[in-house]
Protein backbone atom coordinates (compact mmCIF):
# COMPACT_ATOMS: atom_id res chain seq x y z
CA MET A 1 99.73 87.22 105.83
CA GLU A 2 102.55 89.68 105.24
CA PHE A 3 103.69 92.40 102.91
CA GLY A 4 102.11 93.89 99.80
CA PRO A 5 100.95 93.21 97.22
CA HIS A 6 99.86 89.83 98.58
CA PRO A 7 97.65 90.92 101.52
CA ASP A 8 95.59 93.39 99.57
CA PRO A 9 93.51 91.04 97.38
CA VAL A 10 92.66 89.08 100.52
CA ALA A 11 92.01 92.24 102.52
CA ALA A 12 89.62 93.37 99.81
CA GLU A 13 87.38 90.40 100.67
CA ALA A 14 87.57 90.90 104.44
CA ASP A 15 85.34 93.08 106.59
CA VAL A 16 87.95 93.50 109.32
CA VAL A 17 91.76 93.45 109.03
CA VAL A 18 93.79 92.92 112.21
CA ARG A 19 97.50 93.60 112.60
CA PHE A 20 98.76 91.41 115.45
CA GLN A 21 102.56 91.76 115.86
CA GLY A 22 105.61 93.85 115.10
CA GLY A 23 106.03 97.58 114.90
CA HIS A 24 106.89 100.13 112.25
CA ASN A 25 110.08 98.21 111.47
CA ALA A 26 108.39 96.35 108.62
CA GLY A 27 106.06 97.67 106.01
CA HIS A 28 104.42 96.97 102.74
CA THR A 29 103.58 98.99 99.69
CA LEU A 30 100.20 98.86 97.99
CA VAL A 31 99.35 100.30 94.60
CA ILE A 32 95.61 100.75 94.10
CA ASP A 33 94.14 102.60 91.13
CA GLY A 34 97.54 104.12 90.44
CA VAL A 35 97.99 105.46 93.97
CA THR A 36 100.91 104.16 96.05
CA TYR A 37 100.37 103.62 99.78
CA LYS A 38 103.29 102.82 102.10
CA LEU A 39 102.04 101.23 105.31
CA ARG A 40 104.03 100.24 108.39
CA LEU A 41 101.60 100.23 111.31
CA LEU A 42 98.23 100.58 109.61
CA PRO A 43 96.64 97.33 108.39
CA SER A 44 96.24 97.05 104.62
CA GLY A 45 92.45 97.23 104.94
CA ILE A 46 92.69 100.91 105.81
CA VAL A 47 92.99 101.92 102.15
CA ARG A 48 89.72 100.15 101.29
CA LYS A 49 86.34 101.71 101.91
CA ASN A 50 83.92 100.12 104.38
CA LYS A 51 86.67 98.09 106.09
CA ILE A 52 87.55 98.12 109.78
CA SER A 53 91.26 98.10 110.60
CA ILE A 54 92.56 96.98 113.98
CA ILE A 55 96.00 97.34 115.58
CA GLY A 56 96.18 94.59 118.18
CA ASN A 57 97.80 94.30 121.58
CA GLY A 58 100.70 92.33 120.10
CA VAL A 59 101.91 95.38 118.17
CA VAL A 60 104.38 97.88 119.63
CA VAL A 61 103.33 101.36 118.58
CA ASP A 62 105.40 104.49 118.13
CA PRO A 63 102.59 107.02 118.65
CA TRP A 64 104.28 109.75 116.61
CA ALA A 65 104.98 107.37 113.74
CA LEU A 66 101.35 106.21 113.82
CA LEU A 67 99.99 109.75 113.67
CA ASP A 68 102.37 110.61 110.83
CA GLU A 69 101.26 107.52 108.91
CA ILE A 70 97.60 108.41 109.44
CA GLU A 71 98.18 111.93 108.13
CA GLU A 72 100.10 110.63 105.13
CA ALA A 73 97.27 108.24 104.26
CA LYS A 74 94.69 110.99 104.70
CA SER A 75 96.66 113.22 102.33
CA LYS A 76 96.08 110.58 99.66
CA GLY A 77 92.34 110.56 100.19
CA VAL A 78 92.08 107.71 102.71
CA GLU A 79 89.31 108.22 105.25
CA ILE A 80 90.50 107.37 108.75
CA ASN A 81 88.44 107.90 111.88
CA GLU A 82 87.53 106.13 115.11
CA ASN A 83 84.88 104.13 113.25
CA ASN A 84 87.26 102.37 110.87
CA LEU A 85 90.50 102.32 112.88
CA ILE A 86 90.73 100.69 116.30
CA LEU A 87 93.90 100.65 118.40
CA SER A 88 94.24 98.21 121.27
CA GLU A 89 94.31 99.97 124.62
CA ALA A 90 96.79 97.29 125.72
CA ALA A 91 99.33 97.93 122.95
CA THR A 92 102.80 98.86 124.18
CA LEU A 93 104.21 102.25 123.20
CA ILE A 94 107.62 102.79 121.65
CA LEU A 95 109.13 105.90 123.25
CA PRO A 96 112.20 108.00 122.35
CA PHE A 97 114.46 106.27 124.88
CA HIS A 98 113.66 102.93 123.22
CA ARG A 99 114.98 104.28 119.92
CA GLU A 100 118.06 105.71 121.63
CA ILE A 101 119.05 102.50 123.40
CA ASP A 102 118.41 100.55 120.20
CA GLN A 103 120.84 102.81 118.34
CA ILE A 104 123.42 102.75 121.16
CA ARG A 105 123.45 98.96 121.27
CA GLU A 106 123.65 98.58 117.52
CA ASP A 107 126.49 101.09 117.21
CA SER A 108 128.50 99.39 119.97
CA ALA A 109 127.97 95.84 118.67
CA GLY A 110 130.62 96.05 115.94
CA LYS A 111 130.64 92.93 113.78
CA SER A 112 128.02 91.34 116.05
CA LYS A 113 125.27 93.69 114.92
CA ILE A 114 121.83 92.13 114.65
CA GLY A 115 120.83 94.57 111.93
CA THR A 116 117.92 96.23 113.70
CA THR A 117 116.01 99.09 112.14
CA ARG A 118 117.03 101.26 115.13
CA ARG A 119 113.41 102.20 115.71
CA GLY A 120 113.13 100.89 119.27
CA ILE A 121 111.08 97.79 118.56
CA GLY A 122 113.28 95.35 120.49
CA PRO A 123 113.68 97.51 123.62
CA ALA A 124 109.92 98.17 123.67
CA TYR A 125 109.20 94.43 123.63
CA GLU A 126 111.78 93.98 126.41
CA ASP A 127 109.87 96.43 128.58
CA LYS A 128 106.60 94.69 127.75
CA VAL A 129 107.92 91.32 128.88
CA GLY A 130 109.52 93.01 131.90
CA ARG A 131 106.08 94.33 132.93
CA ARG A 132 107.22 97.95 132.95
CA SER A 133 106.05 99.22 129.54
CA ILE A 134 103.84 102.22 128.88
CA ARG A 135 100.64 101.12 127.17
CA VAL A 136 98.09 103.08 125.20
CA MET A 137 95.66 103.09 128.13
CA ASP A 138 98.26 104.81 130.33
CA LEU A 139 97.86 107.99 128.27
CA ALA A 140 94.40 108.49 129.76
CA SER A 141 95.74 109.48 133.20
CA LYS A 142 98.56 111.96 133.82
CA GLN A 143 99.19 110.56 137.30
CA ASN A 144 99.33 106.99 136.07
CA LEU A 145 101.54 108.01 133.16
CA GLU A 146 103.98 109.72 135.52
CA ASN A 147 104.10 106.68 137.79
CA ARG A 148 104.62 104.27 134.89
CA LEU A 149 107.33 106.44 133.34
CA SER A 150 109.18 106.67 136.66
CA LEU A 151 109.23 102.88 136.80
CA VAL A 152 110.48 102.31 133.26
CA LEU A 153 113.04 105.13 133.41
CA GLU A 154 114.50 103.74 136.62
CA HIS A 155 115.40 100.68 134.56
CA HIS A 156 116.58 102.53 131.46
CA ASN A 157 118.59 105.16 133.30
CA ALA A 158 120.53 102.47 135.16
CA ILE A 159 121.53 101.06 131.77
CA ARG A 160 122.32 104.51 130.38
CA LYS A 161 124.58 105.30 133.34
CA GLY A 162 126.42 102.03 132.82
CA LEU A 163 126.99 102.96 129.19
CA GLY A 164 128.19 106.45 130.11
CA LYS A 165 125.12 108.13 128.63
CA PRO A 166 123.14 110.97 130.25
CA ILE A 167 120.01 109.99 132.13
CA TYR A 168 116.67 110.50 130.42
CA GLU A 169 114.44 113.14 132.02
CA LYS A 170 110.75 112.35 132.08
CA ASP A 171 109.17 115.83 132.38
CA LYS A 172 109.45 116.81 128.71
CA LEU A 173 108.36 113.34 127.60
CA ILE A 174 105.24 113.53 129.77
CA GLY A 175 104.37 116.85 128.17
CA ASP A 176 104.96 115.49 124.68
CA LEU A 177 102.80 112.42 125.37
CA LEU A 178 99.96 114.39 126.93
CA LYS A 179 99.99 116.69 123.90
CA ILE A 180 99.30 113.83 121.48
CA SER A 181 97.25 111.62 123.81
CA PRO A 182 93.81 112.84 122.61
CA ASN A 183 94.75 111.99 119.03
CA ILE A 184 95.81 108.49 120.07
CA LEU A 185 93.12 107.72 122.63
CA LYS A 186 90.26 108.47 120.24
CA TYR A 187 91.15 105.26 118.39
CA SER A 188 91.68 103.24 121.57
CA ALA A 189 89.38 100.39 122.60
CA PRO A 190 89.44 96.87 124.10
CA VAL A 191 90.21 95.09 120.84
CA TRP A 192 89.35 91.62 122.13
CA ARG A 193 85.79 92.80 122.77
CA LYS A 194 85.52 94.38 119.33
CA ILE A 195 86.73 91.21 117.62
CA ASP A 196 84.24 89.15 119.62
CA GLN A 197 81.49 91.52 118.50
CA PHE A 198 82.53 91.27 114.85
CA LYS A 199 82.63 87.48 115.08
CA SER A 200 79.07 87.44 116.44
CA GLU A 201 78.07 89.60 113.45
CA ASN A 202 79.63 87.00 111.10
CA LYS A 203 82.10 89.48 109.69
CA LYS A 204 85.08 88.15 107.75
CA ILE A 205 88.22 88.84 109.78
CA LEU A 206 91.72 88.79 108.30
CA PHE A 207 94.71 88.62 110.64
CA GLU A 208 97.72 90.25 109.02
CA GLY A 209 101.29 89.64 110.12
CA ALA A 210 104.17 91.96 109.31
CA GLN A 211 107.19 89.68 108.94
CA GLY A 212 108.27 86.24 107.75
CA ILE A 213 108.61 83.06 109.78
CA LEU A 214 112.42 83.11 109.78
CA LEU A 215 112.26 86.35 111.76
CA ASP A 216 110.17 84.75 114.52
CA VAL A 217 111.90 85.13 117.89
CA ASP A 218 111.37 81.43 118.68
CA HIS A 219 111.27 79.73 115.28
CA GLY A 220 113.54 81.95 113.20
CA THR A 221 117.28 82.23 112.59
CA TYR A 222 118.02 83.19 116.20
CA PRO A 223 119.61 85.54 117.22
CA TYR A 224 119.12 87.27 113.87
CA VAL A 225 115.40 87.64 114.40
CA THR A 226 112.83 90.23 115.38
CA SER A 227 111.50 90.52 118.94
CA SER A 228 108.02 89.09 118.42
CA ASN A 229 106.36 85.90 117.24
CA THR A 230 105.62 86.23 113.54
CA VAL A 231 104.00 82.83 112.99
CA ALA A 232 100.27 82.44 112.38
CA ALA A 233 99.65 81.10 115.89
CA SER A 234 100.46 84.49 117.40
CA ALA A 235 97.45 86.02 115.65
CA ALA A 236 95.34 84.85 118.59
CA THR A 237 97.54 86.18 121.40
CA GLY A 238 98.35 89.36 119.49
CA SER A 239 94.71 90.30 119.11
CA GLY A 240 92.93 88.76 122.09
CA CYS A 241 90.83 86.12 120.38
CA GLY A 242 90.75 82.38 120.98
CA PRO A 243 92.84 80.05 118.80
CA ASN A 244 89.70 78.44 117.41
CA SER A 245 88.80 81.78 115.86
CA ILE A 246 91.40 81.16 113.17
CA ASN A 247 89.99 78.65 110.73
CA TYR A 248 92.21 79.23 107.69
CA VAL A 249 95.91 80.07 107.38
CA LEU A 250 97.45 81.32 104.15
CA GLY A 251 101.23 81.39 103.90
CA ILE A 252 103.44 82.67 101.10
CA THR A 253 106.78 81.14 100.15
CA LYS A 254 109.43 81.80 97.54
CA ALA A 255 111.48 79.68 95.18
CA TYR A 256 114.60 80.48 97.22
CA THR A 257 115.14 81.01 100.94
CA THR A 258 115.34 84.47 102.47
CA ARG A 259 114.59 85.63 106.00
CA VAL A 260 112.86 88.85 105.00
CA GLY A 261 111.09 90.43 102.06
C-alpha cells in the first residue's frame, strides 16, 4: 500500500501497521475528522488510537526528521510513545553527510539529474549495501558509534576530497547523535521478534509501502528510480518476517501511467 488517502481505510482495520522501505523522501497526507496529518516516516496507523506502528529495517531513517515528525503529530493530539511506535534497531540512519553528497551529486549532474529529493536517501542505502552504515542500534554505545563513524567517513571523505569538498569531521556529529540518542532508542526494538509476537496473537498486520512500482530499483524505470525495492515482495525483507506471512496484496493503479503520485 502507498500514499493517502488510500492506506488509511485499510489501516483503520489493522492492529499493526508496518512501514518497510524508503525514507522521508515520500509521504502521504491524511485528513481525519477535519485534521490534516502529513506523514513521511511514520506509518499511517499512528494517527489511529489503539494501533501499533512499526518502522522496519528496510527503512532509512533521518533521526532528526523522525523526531520532528513525531513532535508535529503530537502537536495535533496524536499520542506517540514506546508502546505504539516501534523502530527497528537494524534500520539504517541518514546522516548530514548523506544529504550533502546527495545535493553535490545532483547539482553536478546537469541534464543527467535523477531528480532526487536531496534528502540523503540514496547515499544512505549505498552505505547499507556497502556494510558501513550507522544503524539505530549503534546509538547505544559511544565507542561503537565512534568506530562505525570512522569507517563510514573514511569512505565519504575520500569522495569529498575527489570532488574538492572539505572533509567531514566526526566529533560534532557524534555529539549531536548522542544528544538525541535517548529519544530515538526508546522506540528501538528487534522488529522481527515483535511481528512474530503479533502474529502469534492473531493481530491484523498491514505492511505499508511508500512509493509506486515504477520507482522500484529493480523493476522500475531505471535509472530514474528510488534506491529501494518498492514492490510488495520487499515487505518481508524490509520488516523481518517470512514471505508466507503476507497472505493478501492490495495494489492501486490509475487510468494513466505515472511513476509517482
